[in-house]
Amino acid sequence: MAADCVAQVGTCIGPTAFEVGEEVAAQFAPPFRRWQPGAGKFCIALKAANRQQLLDAGVPPERVGVSPHCTVVDNAHYFSYRHEGPASGRMWALIGVRG
């Protein structure tokens, strides 16, 4: 059950760096997208959207953690395809289930 889960939204591109066109922005609810007039694009709060999906699924808020890091802003510590291009490194995650 979702109420028994513990979740962590990992490090990924942050809301000031994740610029997308209207076709991608339309896939996100208004609280998770913000128009950037200077760039002519939307910025998406991807981690916030993922957190909300976990809450909507029934994971208790106190059991959902969110990484404060952005792969673009903190690029010295994390790989970012958007920042570095195809030569960037890759990250991986591990998911475990306790019986």
Protein backbone atom coordinates (compact mmCIF):
# COMPACT_ATOMS: atom_id res chain seq x y z
CA MET A 1 0.00 0.00 0.00
CA ALA A 2 1.13 3.54 -0.71
CA ALA A 3 0.66 4.49 2.95
CA ASP A 4 3.45 2.05 3.82
CA CYS A 5 5.93 3.47 1.29
CA VAL A 6 8.86 5.79 1.79
CA ALA A 7 9.86 7.74 -1.32
CA GLN A 8 12.67 10.06 -2.33
CA VAL A 9 12.48 12.29 -5.38
CA GLY A 10 16.07 12.31 -6.50
CA THR A 11 18.33 14.93 -7.93
CA CYS A 12 17.28 16.08 -11.39
CA ILE A 13 16.92 19.28 -13.37
CA GLY A 14 15.46 22.06 -11.24
CA PRO A 15 12.58 24.48 -11.83
CA THR A 16 14.75 27.37 -13.02
CA ALA A 17 16.66 25.24 -15.55
CA PHE A 18 13.98 22.94 -17.00
CA GLU A 19 12.82 25.09 -19.90
CA VAL A 20 10.29 23.50 -22.25
CA GLY A 21 7.97 24.44 -25.08
CA GLU A 22 4.22 24.77 -24.82
CA GLU A 23 3.60 21.16 -25.94
CA VAL A 24 5.53 19.78 -22.95
CA ALA A 25 4.26 22.41 -20.50
CA ALA A 26 0.68 21.44 -21.39
CA GLN A 27 1.34 18.01 -19.81
CA PHE A 28 1.83 19.65 -16.38
CA ALA A 29 -0.80 21.20 -14.11
CA PRO A 30 -0.57 25.00 -13.75
CA PRO A 31 1.08 24.90 -10.28
CA PHE A 32 4.08 23.12 -11.81
CA ARG A 33 4.71 25.36 -14.82
CA ARG A 34 5.74 28.99 -15.02
CA TRP A 35 6.01 31.16 -18.12
CA GLN A 36 9.42 32.79 -18.66
CA PRO A 37 8.74 35.83 -20.88
CA GLY A 38 12.44 36.57 -21.47
CA ALA A 39 13.14 33.04 -22.69
CA GLY A 40 9.79 32.60 -24.44
CA LYS A 41 9.45 29.21 -22.75
CA PHE A 42 7.92 27.57 -19.73
CA CYS A 43 9.90 26.35 -16.72
CA ILE A 44 8.70 23.14 -15.10
CA ALA A 45 8.98 22.22 -11.42
CA LEU A 46 9.55 18.53 -12.14
CA LYS A 47 10.41 17.49 -8.59
CA ALA A 48 7.30 19.21 -7.21
CA ALA A 49 5.14 17.47 -9.83
CA ASN A 50 6.65 14.09 -8.95
CA ARG A 51 6.14 14.73 -5.23
CA GLN A 52 2.50 15.59 -5.86
CA GLN A 53 1.99 12.34 -7.78
CA LEU A 54 3.33 10.41 -4.80
CA LEU A 55 1.01 12.29 -2.43
CA ASP A 56 -1.95 11.74 -4.76
CA ALA A 57 -1.14 8.01 -4.76
CA GLY A 58 -1.40 7.98 -0.97
CA VAL A 59 2.21 8.19 0.21
CA PRO A 60 2.15 10.25 3.44
CA PRO A 61 3.84 13.67 3.10
CA GLU A 62 6.26 12.97 5.94
CA ARG A 63 7.48 9.90 3.99
CA VAL A 64 8.32 11.82 0.80
CA GLY A 65 11.74 13.42 0.57
CA VAL A 66 12.87 15.72 -2.24
CA SER A 67 16.48 16.38 -3.19
CA PRO A 68 17.32 20.09 -3.06
CA HIS A 69 19.93 19.74 -5.82
CA CYS A 70 19.65 20.61 -9.52
CA THR A 71 21.77 18.76 -12.07
CA VAL A 72 22.27 21.97 -14.07
CA VAL A 73 22.92 24.43 -11.23
CA ASP A 74 25.01 21.88 -9.29
CA ASN A 75 26.69 20.50 -12.41
CA ALA A 76 30.07 20.22 -10.69
CA HIS A 77 28.57 17.38 -8.64
CA TYR A 78 25.92 15.88 -10.96
CA PHE A 79 25.73 14.96 -14.63
CA SER A 80 23.32 16.92 -16.84
CA TYR A 81 22.56 16.02 -20.44
CA ARG A 82 20.95 19.44 -20.96
CA HIS A 83 24.04 21.23 -19.67
CA GLU A 84 26.78 18.96 -21.03
CA GLY A 85 25.22 17.33 -24.08
CA PRO A 86 25.55 13.69 -25.15
CA ALA A 87 29.07 13.34 -23.71
CA SER A 88 27.75 13.77 -20.16
CA GLY A 89 28.01 10.97 -17.66
CA ARG A 90 25.02 8.98 -16.45
CA MET A 91 23.38 8.48 -13.07
CA TRP A 92 21.50 5.48 -11.75
CA ALA A 93 19.13 4.75 -8.93
CA LEU A 94 18.42 1.77 -6.75
CA ILE A 95 14.97 0.75 -5.59
CA GLY A 96 14.55 -1.81 -2.87
CA VAL A 97 11.70 -3.72 -1.32
CA ARG A 98 11.85 -5.03 2.21
CA GLY A 99 9.90 -8.16 2.84
